[in-house]
Amino acid sequence: MIKNKLVSPILQTLFALMTEADEEEEDDDDDEYDQVESSKPCIVAAQTLNEMALHLPPDKVITPLLQWADPAFKGKYFFNKTK
């Protein structure tokens, strides 16, 4: 991944998935809650990001994430998606 310079595009995709609003309605059934939550794209993206952070050098993960974190915290819609 590092050699082919794929880390940044993958991280950008994961970050975009994590910052998307959840459009599904909340379900109050606690029995199915864990199964539903673990299959949501934002949860899977966060888990994948966690694995990348564990197995890649910090400068390859943290630096790209920090450039996207500030606009995300400010509420800017920076991935140019239209809804």
N, C-alpha and C. Protein backbone atom coordinates (compact mmCIF):
# COMPACT_ATOMS: atom_id res chain seq x y z
N MET A 1 0.82 -1.19 0.00
CA MET A 1 0.00 0.00 0.00
C MET A 1 0.86 1.26 0.00
N ILE A 2 1.91 1.25 0.78
CA ILE A 2 2.77 2.43 0.85
C ILE A 2 3.53 2.61 -0.45
N LYS A 3 4.08 1.53 -0.96
CA LYS A 3 4.87 1.59 -2.18
C LYS A 3 4.04 2.11 -3.36
N ASN A 4 2.80 1.70 -3.46
CA ASN A 4 1.93 2.12 -4.56
C ASN A 4 1.15 3.40 -4.27
N LYS A 5 1.46 4.03 -3.15
CA LYS A 5 0.84 5.30 -2.74
C LYS A 5 -0.69 5.20 -2.67
N LEU A 6 -1.15 4.13 -2.07
CA LEU A 6 -2.58 3.89 -1.93
C LEU A 6 -3.12 4.27 -0.56
N VAL A 7 -2.24 4.58 0.38
CA VAL A 7 -2.68 4.87 1.75
C VAL A 7 -3.59 6.09 1.78
N SER A 8 -3.17 7.18 1.18
CA SER A 8 -3.96 8.41 1.24
C SER A 8 -5.33 8.27 0.56
N PRO A 9 -5.43 7.69 -0.64
CA PRO A 9 -6.77 7.52 -1.23
C PRO A 9 -7.68 6.60 -0.40
N ILE A 10 -7.10 5.56 0.18
CA ILE A 10 -7.91 4.67 1.02
C ILE A 10 -8.38 5.41 2.26
N LEU A 11 -7.47 6.15 2.89
CA LEU A 11 -7.85 6.91 4.08
C LEU A 11 -8.92 7.95 3.76
N GLN A 12 -8.80 8.60 2.61
CA GLN A 12 -9.79 9.60 2.22
C GLN A 12 -11.17 8.96 2.05
N THR A 13 -11.21 7.79 1.46
CA THR A 13 -12.48 7.09 1.29
C THR A 13 -13.06 6.66 2.64
N LEU A 14 -12.21 6.14 3.51
CA LEU A 14 -12.67 5.73 4.84
C LEU A 14 -13.18 6.94 5.63
N PHE A 15 -12.45 8.04 5.56
CA PHE A 15 -12.85 9.24 6.29
C PHE A 15 -14.19 9.76 5.77
N ALA A 16 -14.37 9.73 4.46
CA ALA A 16 -15.64 10.17 3.87
C ALA A 16 -16.79 9.28 4.35
N LEU A 17 -16.56 7.99 4.42
CA LEU A 17 -17.60 7.08 4.91
C LEU A 17 -17.92 7.33 6.38
N MET A 18 -16.90 7.62 7.16
CA MET A 18 -17.12 7.85 8.59
C MET A 18 -17.85 9.15 8.86
N THR A 19 -17.71 10.13 7.98
CA THR A 19 -18.33 11.43 8.22
C THR A 19 -19.69 11.57 7.57
N GLU A 20 -20.13 10.58 6.81
CA GLU A 20 -21.46 10.65 6.20
C GLU A 20 -22.53 10.53 7.26
N ALA A 21 -23.62 11.24 7.06
CA ALA A 21 -24.74 11.17 7.99
C ALA A 21 -25.44 9.83 7.83
N ASP A 22 -25.89 9.30 8.93
CA ASP A 22 -26.61 8.03 8.92
C ASP A 22 -28.06 8.31 8.55
N GLU A 23 -28.50 7.79 7.42
CA GLU A 23 -29.84 8.07 6.94
C GLU A 23 -30.87 7.05 7.42
N GLU A 24 -30.42 5.97 8.04
CA GLU A 24 -31.35 4.96 8.52
C GLU A 24 -32.00 5.41 9.81
N GLU A 25 -33.24 4.98 10.01
CA GLU A 25 -33.93 5.28 11.25
C GLU A 25 -33.36 4.45 12.37
N GLU A 26 -33.38 5.00 13.58
CA GLU A 26 -32.90 4.27 14.73
C GLU A 26 -33.91 3.21 15.11
N ASP A 27 -33.43 2.02 15.42
CA ASP A 27 -34.28 0.91 15.83
C ASP A 27 -34.07 0.69 17.32
N ASP A 28 -35.17 0.60 18.06
CA ASP A 28 -35.08 0.45 19.51
C ASP A 28 -34.89 -0.99 19.97
N ASP A 29 -34.87 -1.93 19.07
CA ASP A 29 -34.71 -3.34 19.42
C ASP A 29 -33.24 -3.61 19.74
N ASP A 30 -32.95 -3.83 21.01
CA ASP A 30 -31.56 -4.01 21.45
C ASP A 30 -30.95 -5.33 21.01
N ASP A 31 -31.77 -6.36 20.76
CA ASP A 31 -31.23 -7.65 20.34
C ASP A 31 -30.55 -7.56 18.98
N GLU A 32 -31.13 -6.79 18.09
CA GLU A 32 -30.58 -6.66 16.75
C GLU A 32 -29.60 -5.50 16.63
N TYR A 33 -29.48 -4.70 17.67
CA TYR A 33 -28.68 -3.48 17.62
C TYR A 33 -27.23 -3.75 17.26
N ASP A 34 -26.60 -4.72 17.94
CA ASP A 34 -25.18 -4.99 17.69
C ASP A 34 -24.94 -5.49 16.27
N GLN A 35 -25.81 -6.32 15.76
CA GLN A 35 -25.66 -6.83 14.40
C GLN A 35 -25.84 -5.73 13.37
N VAL A 36 -26.80 -4.84 13.59
CA VAL A 36 -27.06 -3.75 12.66
C VAL A 36 -25.92 -2.75 12.69
N GLU A 37 -25.45 -2.40 13.88
CA GLU A 37 -24.38 -1.42 14.02
C GLU A 37 -23.09 -1.90 13.35
N SER A 38 -22.76 -3.16 13.50
CA SER A 38 -21.49 -3.64 12.97
C SER A 38 -21.48 -3.74 11.45
N SER A 39 -22.64 -3.65 10.82
CA SER A 39 -22.68 -3.74 9.36
C SER A 39 -22.83 -2.37 8.69
N LYS A 40 -22.90 -1.30 9.46
CA LYS A 40 -23.01 0.03 8.88
C LYS A 40 -21.68 0.45 8.27
N PRO A 41 -21.71 1.12 7.12
CA PRO A 41 -20.46 1.54 6.47
C PRO A 41 -19.56 2.40 7.36
N CYS A 42 -20.15 3.28 8.16
CA CYS A 42 -19.32 4.14 9.00
C CYS A 42 -18.58 3.34 10.08
N ILE A 43 -19.21 2.29 10.59
CA ILE A 43 -18.57 1.45 11.60
C ILE A 43 -17.45 0.62 10.97
N VAL A 44 -17.73 0.03 9.81
CA VAL A 44 -16.72 -0.77 9.12
C VAL A 44 -15.53 0.11 8.72
N ALA A 45 -15.80 1.34 8.28
CA ALA A 45 -14.72 2.26 7.91
C ALA A 45 -13.86 2.59 9.12
N ALA A 46 -14.49 2.82 10.27
CA ALA A 46 -13.73 3.12 11.49
C ALA A 46 -12.88 1.93 11.92
N GLN A 47 -13.43 0.72 11.79
CA GLN A 47 -12.67 -0.48 12.13
C GLN A 47 -11.48 -0.66 11.19
N THR A 48 -11.70 -0.39 9.91
CA THR A 48 -10.61 -0.51 8.93
C THR A 48 -9.53 0.53 9.19
N LEU A 49 -9.94 1.75 9.51
CA LEU A 49 -8.98 2.80 9.85
C LEU A 49 -8.16 2.40 11.08
N ASN A 50 -8.80 1.80 12.05
CA ASN A 50 -8.11 1.34 13.24
C ASN A 50 -7.04 0.31 12.88
N GLU A 51 -7.38 -0.63 12.03
CA GLU A 51 -6.41 -1.65 11.62
C GLU A 51 -5.24 -1.03 10.84
N MET A 52 -5.55 -0.06 9.99
CA MET A 52 -4.48 0.61 9.24
C MET A 52 -3.55 1.36 10.20
N ALA A 53 -4.13 2.00 11.21
CA ALA A 53 -3.32 2.74 12.18
C ALA A 53 -2.42 1.81 12.98
N LEU A 54 -2.88 0.61 13.22
CA LEU A 54 -2.07 -0.36 13.97
C LEU A 54 -0.91 -0.92 13.16
N HIS A 55 -1.07 -1.00 11.83
CA HIS A 55 -0.09 -1.70 11.01
C HIS A 55 0.72 -0.82 10.07
N LEU A 56 0.45 0.46 10.03
CA LEU A 56 1.20 1.38 9.17
C LEU A 56 1.95 2.38 10.03
N PRO A 57 3.00 2.98 9.48
CA PRO A 57 3.72 4.03 10.23
C PRO A 57 2.79 5.21 10.55
N PRO A 58 2.93 5.78 11.74
CA PRO A 58 2.04 6.88 12.15
C PRO A 58 2.00 8.05 11.16
N ASP A 59 3.14 8.40 10.57
CA ASP A 59 3.14 9.55 9.66
C ASP A 59 2.33 9.30 8.39
N LYS A 60 2.12 8.03 8.05
CA LYS A 60 1.32 7.70 6.85
C LYS A 60 -0.17 7.76 7.13
N VAL A 61 -0.56 7.68 8.41
CA VAL A 61 -1.97 7.68 8.77
C VAL A 61 -2.40 9.02 9.39
N ILE A 62 -1.64 9.50 10.35
CA ILE A 62 -2.04 10.69 11.10
C ILE A 62 -2.01 11.95 10.25
N THR A 63 -0.97 12.15 9.47
CA THR A 63 -0.83 13.37 8.67
C THR A 63 -2.01 13.58 7.72
N PRO A 64 -2.39 12.59 6.92
CA PRO A 64 -3.55 12.81 6.04
C PRO A 64 -4.85 13.04 6.82
N LEU A 65 -5.03 12.32 7.93
CA LEU A 65 -6.26 12.47 8.69
C LEU A 65 -6.39 13.86 9.31
N LEU A 66 -5.28 14.42 9.74
CA LEU A 66 -5.34 15.74 10.35
C LEU A 66 -5.75 16.82 9.35
N GLN A 67 -5.40 16.67 8.09
CA GLN A 67 -5.78 17.68 7.11
C GLN A 67 -7.28 17.66 6.84
N TRP A 68 -7.95 16.53 7.08
CA TRP A 68 -9.39 16.43 6.87
C TRP A 68 -10.18 16.64 8.16
N ALA A 69 -9.54 16.46 9.30
CA ALA A 69 -10.25 16.54 10.58
C ALA A 69 -10.74 17.95 10.88
N ASP A 70 -9.92 18.97 10.65
CA ASP A 70 -10.32 20.34 10.98
C ASP A 70 -11.58 20.77 10.22
N PRO A 71 -11.64 20.60 8.90
CA PRO A 71 -12.89 20.96 8.21
C PRO A 71 -14.08 20.12 8.67
N ALA A 72 -13.85 18.87 9.03
CA ALA A 72 -14.95 18.02 9.49
C ALA A 72 -15.50 18.53 10.82
N PHE A 73 -14.61 18.95 11.72
CA PHE A 73 -15.06 19.48 13.00
C PHE A 73 -15.80 20.80 12.84
N LYS A 74 -15.45 21.55 11.83
CA LYS A 74 -16.12 22.83 11.57
C LYS A 74 -17.43 22.65 10.81
N GLY A 75 -17.72 21.41 10.41
CA GLY A 75 -18.98 21.13 9.75
C GLY A 75 -18.98 21.41 8.26
N LYS A 76 -17.82 21.59 7.68
CA LYS A 76 -17.75 21.85 6.25
C LYS A 76 -17.89 20.54 5.48
N TYR A 77 -18.60 20.61 4.40
CA TYR A 77 -18.84 19.44 3.56
C TYR A 77 -17.79 19.44 2.48
N PHE A 78 -16.64 18.85 2.74
CA PHE A 78 -15.47 19.06 1.93
C PHE A 78 -15.20 17.98 0.89
N PHE A 79 -16.04 16.98 0.76
CA PHE A 79 -15.80 15.95 -0.23
C PHE A 79 -16.60 16.18 -1.50
N ASN A 80 -17.21 17.35 -1.63
CA ASN A 80 -17.93 17.78 -2.83
C ASN A 80 -18.99 16.79 -3.30
N LYS A 81 -19.74 16.29 -2.36
CA LYS A 81 -20.85 15.42 -2.71
C LYS A 81 -22.13 16.24 -2.70
N THR A 82 -23.01 15.92 -3.57
CA THR A 82 -24.29 16.60 -3.59
C THR A 82 -25.37 15.65 -3.14
N LYS A 83 -26.29 16.16 -2.34
CA LYS A 83 -27.39 15.33 -1.87
C LYS A 83 -28.69 15.96 -2.23
